[in-house]
């Protein structure tokens, strides 16, 4: 991976964290079976991440290329506008949730989720120039956002069971189940990305993608191992071993986040979304 691409990789992962967290939290809120205190905390966390993501998006200088990887810099201003909308709507969602106005809160969450999807779509146009196509990059970012959102919100939700053990297990079990499905989709997408054609990147990283050790680190420690941990957390939550499930999700979250950073760095070196 090129050091020049790290700020861009960080921005993408922050977008995934913010938008994915909002999607998963909004879904959990709409289901109505999680503790209201968790929804409130999650809404404030999402607002904080949305603010941080918008600030980083305005500070990262997006040019026409990064270490030989071409970018469509004309769309970055639209990405910033979409992220500003996510920030504003996340603030309204947090305010409505804290004041216990659930229906307006769900409306703001839905609007913020749409704005987040738009931000991801616009970001995909910026970085998809040398890849097989926009659709593959868009799918990669959406699936990555769901993975980061589900594992982070799942880890946080697990703490509510440690304080109140009699809470129903359904919310955590549904969240870990969703995460398992998303990680399977990520594996399918990586296989497709490696098989499909893409442009050759003239960067400082000359190692072919299949010989790059970071690819196998991303697959092994950023996807396969955390998927095993998530399966164990899913099984533990079904047995109401919530302390074990939360501990497993702690490790899975760290690995998933590191895996996403490595994945984005690899994309900038090889034009392979993963």
C-alpha atoms as a PDB file:
ATOM      1  CA  UNK A   1       0.000   0.000   0.000  1.00  0.00           C
ATOM      2  CA  UNK A   2       1.128   3.532  -0.709  1.00  0.00           C
ATOM      3  CA  UNK A   3       1.414   6.027   2.196  1.00  0.00           C
ATOM      4  CA  UNK A   4      -0.069   8.661  -0.134  1.00  0.00           C
ATOM      5  CA  UNK A   5      -3.365   6.765  -0.244  1.00  0.00           C
ATOM      6  CA  UNK A   6      -3.824   6.480   3.534  1.00  0.00           C
ATOM      7  CA  UNK A   7      -5.742   9.797   3.995  1.00  0.00           C
ATOM      8  CA  UNK A   8      -8.120   8.725   1.230  1.00  0.00           C
ATOM      9  CA  UNK A   9      -8.523   5.270   2.766  1.00  0.00           C
ATOM     10  CA  UNK A  10      -9.239   6.902   6.141  1.00  0.00           C
ATOM     11  CA  UNK A  11     -11.909   9.135   4.599  1.00  0.00           C
ATOM     12  CA  UNK A  12     -13.631   6.177   2.934  1.00  0.00           C
ATOM     13  CA  UNK A  13     -13.649   4.141   6.163  1.00  0.00           C
ATOM     14  CA  UNK A  14     -15.030   7.116   8.108  1.00  0.00           C
ATOM     15  CA  UNK A  15     -17.837   7.446   5.557  1.00  0.00           C
ATOM     16  CA  UNK A  16     -18.546   3.721   5.896  1.00  0.00           C
ATOM     17  CA  UNK A  17     -18.536   3.957   9.706  1.00  0.00           C
ATOM     18  CA  UNK A  18     -20.890   6.950   9.773  1.00  0.00           C
ATOM     19  CA  UNK A  19     -23.343   5.874   7.101  1.00  0.00           C
ATOM     20  CA  UNK A  20     -23.303   2.186   8.014  1.00  0.00           C
ATOM     21  CA  UNK A  21     -23.785   2.992  11.694  1.00  0.00           C
ATOM     22  CA  UNK A  22     -26.770   5.179  10.830  1.00  0.00           C
ATOM     23  CA  UNK A  23     -28.296   2.481   8.633  1.00  0.00           C
ATOM     24  CA  UNK A  24     -27.974  -0.247  11.261  1.00  0.00           C
ATOM     25  CA  UNK A  25     -29.146   2.004  14.106  1.00  0.00           C
ATOM     26  CA  UNK A  26     -32.156   3.221  12.088  1.00  0.00           C
ATOM     27  CA  UNK A  27     -33.099  -0.386  11.322  1.00  0.00           C
ATOM     28  CA  UNK A  28     -32.773  -1.338  14.985  1.00  0.00           C
ATOM     29  CA  UNK A  29     -34.819   1.718  15.985  1.00  0.00           C
ATOM     30  CA  UNK A  30     -37.536   0.876  13.456  1.00  0.00           C
ATOM     31  CA  UNK A  31     -37.704  -2.686  14.796  1.00  0.00           C
ATOM     32  CA  UNK A  32     -38.470  -1.203  18.228  1.00  0.00           C
ATOM     33  CA  UNK A  33     -37.045  -4.065  20.283  1.00  0.00           C
ATOM     34  CA  UNK A  34     -33.835  -2.450  21.586  1.00  0.00           C
ATOM     35  CA  UNK A  35     -33.416  -0.389  24.745  1.00  0.00           C
ATOM     36  CA  UNK A  36     -34.220   3.288  24.161  1.00  0.00           C
ATOM     37  CA  UNK A  37     -31.037   4.292  25.977  1.00  0.00           C
ATOM     38  CA  UNK A  38     -29.005   2.368  23.386  1.00  0.00           C
ATOM     39  CA  UNK A  39     -30.823   4.141  20.534  1.00  0.00           C
ATOM     40  CA  UNK A  40     -30.112   7.510  22.141  1.00  0.00           C
ATOM     41  CA  UNK A  41     -26.440   6.701  22.660  1.00  0.00           C
ATOM     42  CA  UNK A  42     -26.151   5.372  19.115  1.00  0.00           C
ATOM     43  CA  UNK A  43     -27.768   8.517  17.696  1.00  0.00           C
ATOM     44  CA  UNK A  44     -25.291  10.774  19.534  1.00  0.00           C
ATOM     45  CA  UNK A  45     -22.378   8.584  18.419  1.00  0.00           C
ATOM     46  CA  UNK A  46     -23.590   8.741  14.813  1.00  0.00           C
ATOM     47  CA  UNK A  47     -23.843  12.526  15.020  1.00  0.00           C
ATOM     48  CA  UNK A  48     -20.282  12.715  16.387  1.00  0.00           C
ATOM     49  CA  UNK A  49     -18.953  10.479  13.611  1.00  0.00           C
ATOM     50  CA  UNK A  50     -20.887  12.456  10.982  1.00  0.00           C
ATOM     51  CA  UNK A  51     -19.261  15.671  12.188  1.00  0.00           C
ATOM     52  CA  UNK A  52     -15.782  14.104  12.146  1.00  0.00           C
ATOM     53  CA  UNK A  53     -16.351  12.619   8.687  1.00  0.00           C
ATOM     54  CA  UNK A  54     -17.517  15.945   7.250  1.00  0.00           C
ATOM     55  CA  UNK A  55     -14.493  17.742   8.712  1.00  0.00           C
ATOM     56  CA  UNK A  56     -12.076  15.166   7.256  1.00  0.00           C
ATOM     57  CA  UNK A  57     -13.868  15.356   3.865  1.00  0.00           C
ATOM     58  CA  UNK A  58     -13.303  19.101   3.753  1.00  0.00           C
ATOM     59  CA  UNK A  59      -9.648  18.809   4.757  1.00  0.00           C
ATOM     60  CA  UNK A  60      -8.461  15.990   2.475  1.00  0.00           C
ATOM     61  CA  UNK A  61      -7.217  17.463  -0.794  1.00  0.00           C
ATOM     62  CA  UNK A  62      -8.667  15.365  -3.616  1.00  0.00           C
ATOM     63  CA  UNK A  63      -6.644  15.838  -6.803  1.00  0.00           C
ATOM     64  CA  UNK A  64      -6.772  14.117 -10.173  1.00  0.00           C
ATOM     65  CA  UNK A  65      -4.716  11.157  -8.972  1.00  0.00           C
ATOM     66  CA  UNK A  66      -3.053   9.604  -5.931  1.00  0.00           C
ATOM     67  CA  UNK A  67       0.204   7.706  -6.553  1.00  0.00           C
ATOM     68  CA  UNK A  68      -0.876   6.887 -10.111  1.00  0.00           C
ATOM     69  CA  UNK A  69      -4.490   6.056  -9.225  1.00  0.00           C
ATOM     70  CA  UNK A  70      -6.780   8.401 -11.234  1.00  0.00           C
ATOM     71  CA  UNK A  71      -9.667  10.145  -9.446  1.00  0.00           C
ATOM     72  CA  UNK A  72     -12.729  12.057 -10.613  1.00  0.00           C
ATOM     73  CA  UNK A  73     -12.100  15.132  -8.495  1.00  0.00           C
ATOM     74  CA  UNK A  74     -15.027  17.047 -10.049  1.00  0.00           C
ATOM     75  CA  UNK A  75     -17.499  15.185  -7.802  1.00  0.00           C
ATOM     76  CA  UNK A  76     -15.803  15.726  -4.439  1.00  0.00           C
ATOM     77  CA  UNK A  77     -17.759  18.926  -3.752  1.00  0.00           C
ATOM     78  CA  UNK A  78     -20.999  16.967  -4.188  1.00  0.00           C
ATOM     79  CA  UNK A  79     -19.685  14.334  -1.771  1.00  0.00           C
ATOM     80  CA  UNK A  80     -19.066  17.070   0.795  1.00  0.00           C
ATOM     81  CA  UNK A  81     -22.609  18.419   0.336  1.00  0.00           C
ATOM     82  CA  UNK A  82     -24.072  14.939   0.843  1.00  0.00           C
ATOM     83  CA  UNK A  83     -21.974  14.434   3.987  1.00  0.00           C
ATOM     84  CA  UNK A  84     -23.127  17.826   5.277  1.00  0.00           C
ATOM     85  CA  UNK A  85     -26.708  16.608   4.808  1.00  0.00           C
ATOM     86  CA  UNK A  86     -25.900  13.409   6.720  1.00  0.00           C
ATOM     87  CA  UNK A  87     -24.441  15.522   9.534  1.00  0.00           C
ATOM     88  CA  UNK A  88     -27.487  17.829   9.693  1.00  0.00           C
ATOM     89  CA  UNK A  89     -30.024  14.990   9.571  1.00  0.00           C
ATOM     90  CA  UNK A  90     -28.055  12.980  12.141  1.00  0.00           C
ATOM     91  CA  UNK A  91     -28.276  16.000  14.432  1.00  0.00           C
ATOM     92  CA  UNK A  92     -32.049  16.190  13.978  1.00  0.00           C
ATOM     93  CA  UNK A  93     -32.308  12.432  14.550  1.00  0.00           C
ATOM     94  CA  UNK A  94     -30.287  12.663  17.770  1.00  0.00           C
ATOM     95  CA  UNK A  95     -32.359  15.610  19.010  1.00  0.00           C
ATOM     96  CA  UNK A  96     -35.654  13.847  18.256  1.00  0.00           C
ATOM     97  CA  UNK A  97     -34.455  10.614  19.847  1.00  0.00           C
ATOM     98  CA  UNK A  98     -33.210  12.268  23.026  1.00  0.00           C
ATOM     99  CA  UNK A  99     -36.477  14.184  23.379  1.00  0.00           C
ATOM    100  CA  UNK A 100     -38.347  10.891  22.774  1.00  0.00           C
ATOM    101  CA  UNK A 101     -40.150  11.987  19.600  1.00  0.00           C
ATOM    102  CA  UNK A 102     -39.837   8.587  17.957  1.00  0.00           C
ATOM    103  CA  UNK A 103     -41.765   9.073  14.693  1.00  0.00           C
ATOM    104  CA  UNK A 104     -39.970  12.318  13.708  1.00  0.00           C
ATOM    105  CA  UNK A 105     -36.731  10.633  14.723  1.00  0.00           C
ATOM    106  CA  UNK A 106     -37.389   7.711  12.387  1.00  0.00           C
ATOM    107  CA  UNK A 107     -38.183  10.146   9.569  1.00  0.00           C
ATOM    108  CA  UNK A 108     -34.900  12.002  10.109  1.00  0.00           C
ATOM    109  CA  UNK A 109     -33.042   8.673  10.313  1.00  0.00           C
ATOM    110  CA  UNK A 110     -34.574   7.558   7.017  1.00  0.00           C
ATOM    111  CA  UNK A 111     -33.694  10.850   5.319  1.00  0.00           C
ATOM    112  CA  UNK A 112     -30.176  10.693   6.731  1.00  0.00           C
ATOM    113  CA  UNK A 113     -29.846   7.116   5.461  1.00  0.00           C
ATOM    114  CA  UNK A 114     -30.830   8.236   1.953  1.00  0.00           C
ATOM    115  CA  UNK A 115     -28.331  11.113   2.140  1.00  0.00           C
ATOM    116  CA  UNK A 116     -25.696   8.601   3.269  1.00  0.00           C
ATOM    117  CA  UNK A 117     -26.470   6.360   0.308  1.00  0.00           C
ATOM    118  CA  UNK A 118     -26.095   9.380  -1.971  1.00  0.00           C
ATOM    119  CA  UNK A 119     -22.755  10.230  -0.350  1.00  0.00           C
ATOM    120  CA  UNK A 120     -21.515   6.681  -0.936  1.00  0.00           C
ATOM    121  CA  UNK A 121     -22.713   6.756  -4.538  1.00  0.00           C
ATOM    122  CA  UNK A 122     -20.970  10.064  -5.214  1.00  0.00           C
ATOM    123  CA  UNK A 123     -17.802   8.844  -3.484  1.00  0.00           C
ATOM    124  CA  UNK A 124     -17.890   5.747  -5.686  1.00  0.00           C
ATOM    125  CA  UNK A 125     -17.848   7.972  -8.791  1.00  0.00           C
ATOM    126  CA  UNK A 126     -14.731   9.711  -7.460  1.00  0.00           C
ATOM    127  CA  UNK A 127     -12.723   6.503  -6.951  1.00  0.00           C
ATOM    128  CA  UNK A 128     -14.125   4.112  -9.598  1.00  0.00           C
ATOM    129  CA  UNK A 129     -12.271   5.525 -12.637  1.00  0.00           C
ATOM    130  CA  UNK A 130      -9.687   2.715 -13.117  1.00  0.00           C
ATOM    131  CA  UNK A 131     -11.788  -0.139 -11.699  1.00  0.00           C
ATOM    132  CA  UNK A 132     -14.080  -2.529 -13.583  1.00  0.00           C
ATOM    133  CA  UNK A 133     -16.924  -0.055 -13.067  1.00  0.00           C
ATOM    134  CA  UNK A 134     -19.003   2.131 -10.779  1.00  0.00           C
ATOM    135  CA  UNK A 135     -21.359  -0.700  -9.789  1.00  0.00           C
ATOM    136  CA  UNK A 136     -18.572  -2.802  -8.296  1.00  0.00           C
ATOM    137  CA  UNK A 137     -17.127   0.081  -6.257  1.00  0.00           C
ATOM    138  CA  UNK A 138     -20.597   1.173  -5.117  1.00  0.00           C
ATOM    139  CA  UNK A 139     -21.397  -2.379  -3.970  1.00  0.00           C
ATOM    140  CA  UNK A 140     -18.052  -2.579  -2.176  1.00  0.00           C
ATOM    141  CA  UNK A 141     -18.698   0.645  -0.262  1.00  0.00           C
ATOM    142  CA  UNK A 142     -22.306  -0.260   0.626  1.00  0.00           C
ATOM    143  CA  UNK A 143     -21.331  -3.717   1.873  1.00  0.00           C
ATOM    144  CA  UNK A 144     -18.329  -2.285   3.716  1.00  0.00           C
ATOM    145  CA  UNK A 145     -20.553   0.320   5.379  1.00  0.00           C
ATOM    146  CA  UNK A 146     -22.981  -2.366   6.543  1.00  0.00           C
ATOM    147  CA  UNK A 147     -20.120  -4.481   7.907  1.00  0.00           C
ATOM    148  CA  UNK A 148     -18.544  -1.610   9.845  1.00  0.00           C
ATOM    149  CA  UNK A 149     -21.931  -0.331  11.032  1.00  0.00           C
ATOM    150  CA  UNK A 150     -23.188  -3.719  12.196  1.00  0.00           C
ATOM    151  CA  UNK A 151     -20.002  -4.764  14.010  1.00  0.00           C
ATOM    152  CA  UNK A 152     -19.605  -1.396  15.782  1.00  0.00           C
ATOM    153  CA  UNK A 153     -23.250  -1.044  16.801  1.00  0.00           C
ATOM    154  CA  UNK A 154     -23.340  -4.723  17.771  1.00  0.00           C
ATOM    155  CA  UNK A 155     -20.325  -4.305  20.044  1.00  0.00           C
ATOM    156  CA  UNK A 156     -21.912  -1.259  21.691  1.00  0.00           C
ATOM    157  CA  UNK A 157     -25.288  -2.985  22.044  1.00  0.00           C
ATOM    158  CA  UNK A 158     -23.619  -5.883  23.837  1.00  0.00           C
ATOM    159  CA  UNK A 159     -22.795  -3.581  26.753  1.00  0.00           C
ATOM    160  CA  UNK A 160     -26.486  -2.996  27.446  1.00  0.00           C
ATOM    161  CA  UNK A 161     -26.881  -6.699  28.253  1.00  0.00           C
ATOM    162  CA  UNK A 162     -23.992  -6.510  30.708  1.00  0.00           C
ATOM    163  CA  UNK A 163     -25.873  -3.825  32.661  1.00  0.00           C
ATOM    164  CA  UNK A 164     -29.386  -5.258  32.182  1.00  0.00           C
ATOM    165  CA  UNK A 165     -29.051  -9.033  31.588  1.00  0.00           C
ATOM    166  CA  UNK A 166     -32.810  -9.575  31.139  1.00  0.00           C
ATOM    167  CA  UNK A 167     -33.056  -7.560  27.936  1.00  0.00           C
ATOM    168  CA  UNK A 168     -34.365  -9.666  25.015  1.00  0.00           C
ATOM    169  CA  UNK A 169     -31.611 -11.246  22.964  1.00  0.00           C
ATOM    170  CA  UNK A 170     -33.324 -10.602  19.618  1.00  0.00           C
ATOM    171  CA  UNK A 171     -31.667  -7.220  18.802  1.00  0.00           C
ATOM    172  CA  UNK A 172     -28.111  -8.503  19.249  1.00  0.00           C
ATOM    173  CA  UNK A 173     -28.878 -11.773  17.515  1.00  0.00           C
ATOM    174  CA  UNK A 174     -30.425  -9.942  14.553  1.00  0.00           C
ATOM    175  CA  UNK A 175     -27.446  -7.578  14.319  1.00  0.00           C
ATOM    176  CA  UNK A 176     -24.862 -10.365  14.385  1.00  0.00           C
ATOM    177  CA  UNK A 177     -26.940 -12.365  11.907  1.00  0.00           C
ATOM    178  CA  UNK A 178     -27.014  -9.393   9.537  1.00  0.00           C
ATOM    179  CA  UNK A 179     -23.257  -9.015   9.932  1.00  0.00           C
ATOM    180  CA  UNK A 180     -22.673 -12.658   8.996  1.00  0.00           C
ATOM    181  CA  UNK A 181     -24.687 -12.249   5.789  1.00  0.00           C
ATOM    182  CA  UNK A 182     -22.816  -9.052   4.910  1.00  0.00           C
ATOM    183  CA  UNK A 183     -19.429 -10.726   5.426  1.00  0.00           C
ATOM    184  CA  UNK A 184     -20.415 -13.563   3.094  1.00  0.00           C
ATOM    185  CA  UNK A 185     -21.343 -10.942   0.488  1.00  0.00           C
ATOM    186  CA  UNK A 186     -17.946  -9.304   1.004  1.00  0.00           C
ATOM    187  CA  UNK A 187     -16.214 -12.601   0.253  1.00  0.00           C
ATOM    188  CA  UNK A 188     -18.235 -12.996  -2.959  1.00  0.00           C
ATOM    189  CA  UNK A 189     -17.430  -9.417  -3.972  1.00  0.00           C
ATOM    190  CA  UNK A 190     -13.679  -9.923  -3.415  1.00  0.00           C
ATOM    191  CA  UNK A 191     -13.731 -13.003  -5.654  1.00  0.00           C
ATOM    192  CA  UNK A 192     -15.605 -11.091  -8.361  1.00  0.00           C
ATOM    193  CA  UNK A 193     -13.287  -8.080  -8.091  1.00  0.00           C
ATOM    194  CA  UNK A 194     -10.211 -10.252  -8.552  1.00  0.00           C
ATOM    195  CA  UNK A 195     -11.724 -11.955 -11.602  1.00  0.00           C
ATOM    196  CA  UNK A 196     -13.020  -8.856 -13.411  1.00  0.00           C
ATOM    197  CA  UNK A 197     -10.736  -6.682 -15.592  1.00  0.00           C
ATOM    198  CA  UNK A 198      -9.420  -3.289 -14.475  1.00  0.00           C
ATOM    199  CA  UNK A 199      -6.838  -0.717 -15.514  1.00  0.00           C
ATOM    200  CA  UNK A 200      -3.185  -1.119 -14.649  1.00  0.00           C
ATOM    201  CA  UNK A 201      -2.062   1.332 -11.960  1.00  0.00           C
ATOM    202  CA  UNK A 202       1.402   2.834 -12.382  1.00  0.00           C
ATOM    203  CA  UNK A 203       2.069   3.348  -8.691  1.00  0.00           C
ATOM    204  CA  UNK A 204       4.943   2.886  -6.280  1.00  0.00           C
ATOM    205  CA  UNK A 205       3.436  -0.510  -5.353  1.00  0.00           C
ATOM    206  CA  UNK A 206       4.542  -2.946  -8.067  1.00  0.00           C
ATOM    207  CA  UNK A 207       3.641  -6.278  -6.423  1.00  0.00           C
ATOM    208  CA  UNK A 208       0.830  -8.087  -8.332  1.00  0.00           C
ATOM    209  CA  UNK A 209      -2.379  -8.160  -6.307  1.00  0.00           C
ATOM    210  CA  UNK A 210      -2.437 -11.952  -5.864  1.00  0.00           C
ATOM    211  CA  UNK A 211       1.156 -11.880  -4.618  1.00  0.00           C
ATOM    212  CA  UNK A 212       0.589  -8.942  -2.287  1.00  0.00           C
ATOM    213  CA  UNK A 213       0.689 -10.135   1.356  1.00  0.00           C
ATOM    214  CA  UNK A 214      -1.715  -7.352   2.339  1.00  0.00           C
ATOM    215  CA  UNK A 215      -4.432  -9.018   0.243  1.00  0.00           C
ATOM    216  CA  UNK A 216      -4.131 -12.243   2.215  1.00  0.00           C
ATOM    217  CA  UNK A 217      -3.980 -10.281   5.473  1.00  0.00           C
ATOM    218  CA  UNK A 218      -7.204  -8.545   4.430  1.00  0.00           C
ATOM    219  CA  UNK A 219      -8.882 -11.867   3.568  1.00  0.00           C
ATOM    220  CA  UNK A 220      -7.580 -13.837   6.538  1.00  0.00           C
ATOM    221  CA  UNK A 221      -7.506 -11.340   9.384  1.00  0.00           C
ATOM    222  CA  UNK A 222      -9.932  -8.706   8.020  1.00  0.00           C
ATOM    223  CA  UNK A 223     -12.691 -11.056   6.869  1.00  0.00           C
ATOM    224  CA  UNK A 224     -12.365 -14.798   7.552  1.00  0.00           C
ATOM    225  CA  UNK A 225     -11.249 -14.649  11.199  1.00  0.00           C
ATOM    226  CA  UNK A 226     -13.703 -11.890  12.229  1.00  0.00           C
ATOM    227  CA  UNK A 227     -16.473 -13.820  10.445  1.00  0.00           C
ATOM    228  CA  UNK A 228     -15.676 -16.790  12.690  1.00  0.00           C
ATOM    229  CA  UNK A 229     -15.788 -14.510  15.731  1.00  0.00           C
ATOM    230  CA  UNK A 230     -19.119 -13.055  14.628  1.00  0.00           C
ATOM    231  CA  UNK A 231     -20.544 -16.563  14.181  1.00  0.00           C
ATOM    232  CA  UNK A 232     -19.418 -17.375  17.731  1.00  0.00           C
ATOM    233  CA  UNK A 233     -21.020 -14.125  18.959  1.00  0.00           C
ATOM    234  CA  UNK A 234     -24.241 -15.026  17.134  1.00  0.00           C
ATOM    235  CA  UNK A 235     -24.243 -18.451  18.765  1.00  0.00           C
ATOM    236  CA  UNK A 236     -23.380 -16.989  22.185  1.00  0.00           C
ATOM    237  CA  UNK A 237     -26.188 -14.434  21.995  1.00  0.00           C
ATOM    238  CA  UNK A 238     -28.649 -17.230  21.262  1.00  0.00           C
ATOM    239  CA  UNK A 239     -27.489 -18.946  24.464  1.00  0.00           C
ATOM    240  CA  UNK A 240     -27.693 -15.595  26.308  1.00  0.00           C
ATOM    241  CA  UNK A 241     -23.927 -15.621  26.948  1.00  0.00           C
ATOM    242  CA  UNK A 242     -23.862 -11.883  26.349  1.00  0.00           C
ATOM    243  CA  UNK A 243     -20.533 -11.207  28.025  1.00  0.00           C
ATOM    244  CA  UNK A 244     -18.847 -13.667  25.680  1.00  0.00           C
ATOM    245  CA  UNK A 245     -20.682 -12.229  22.658  1.00  0.00           C
ATOM    246  CA  UNK A 246     -19.608  -8.689  23.535  1.00  0.00           C
ATOM    247  CA  UNK A 247     -15.971  -9.705  24.002  1.00  0.00           C
ATOM    248  CA  UNK A 248     -15.965 -11.492  20.654  1.00  0.00           C
ATOM    249  CA  UNK A 249     -17.461  -8.446  18.951  1.00  0.00           C
ATOM    250  CA  UNK A 250     -14.743  -6.233  20.489  1.00  0.00           C
ATOM    251  CA  UNK A 251     -12.087  -8.257  18.660  1.00  0.00           C
ATOM    252  CA  UNK A 252     -14.177  -8.534  15.501  1.00  0.00           C
ATOM    253  CA  UNK A 253     -14.696  -4.772  15.364  1.00  0.00           C
ATOM    254  CA  UNK A 254     -10.951  -4.062  15.582  1.00  0.00           C
ATOM    255  CA  UNK A 255     -10.221  -6.597  12.847  1.00  0.00           C
ATOM    256  CA  UNK A 256     -13.026  -5.399  10.566  1.00  0.00           C
ATOM    257  CA  UNK A 257     -11.915  -1.762  10.830  1.00  0.00           C
ATOM    258  CA  UNK A 258      -8.288  -2.675  10.142  1.00  0.00           C
ATOM    259  CA  UNK A 259      -9.427  -4.893   7.281  1.00  0.00           C
ATOM    260  CA  UNK A 260     -11.376  -2.033   5.705  1.00  0.00           C
ATOM    261  CA  UNK A 261      -8.368   0.314   5.879  1.00  0.00           C
ATOM    262  CA  UNK A 262      -6.154  -2.348   4.269  1.00  0.00           C
ATOM    263  CA  UNK A 263      -8.839  -3.037   1.635  1.00  0.00           C
ATOM    264  CA  UNK A 264      -9.003   0.609   0.588  1.00  0.00           C
ATOM    265  CA  UNK A 265      -5.214   0.880   0.492  1.00  0.00           C
ATOM    266  CA  UNK A 266      -5.099  -2.199  -1.746  1.00  0.00           C
ATOM    267  CA  UNK A 267      -7.714  -0.700  -4.037  1.00  0.00           C
ATOM    268  CA  UNK A 268      -5.604   2.406  -4.581  1.00  0.00           C
ATOM    269  CA  UNK A 269      -2.625   0.170  -5.414  1.00  0.00           C
ATOM    270  CA  UNK A 270      -4.414  -2.281  -7.704  1.00  0.00           C
ATOM    271  CA  UNK A 271      -7.864  -0.899  -8.755  1.00  0.00           C
ATOM    272  CA  UNK A 272      -9.444  -3.983  -7.127  1.00  0.00           C
ATOM    273  CA  UNK A 273     -12.359  -3.037  -4.795  1.00  0.00           C
ATOM    274  CA  UNK A 274     -12.352  -5.385  -1.812  1.00  0.00           C
END
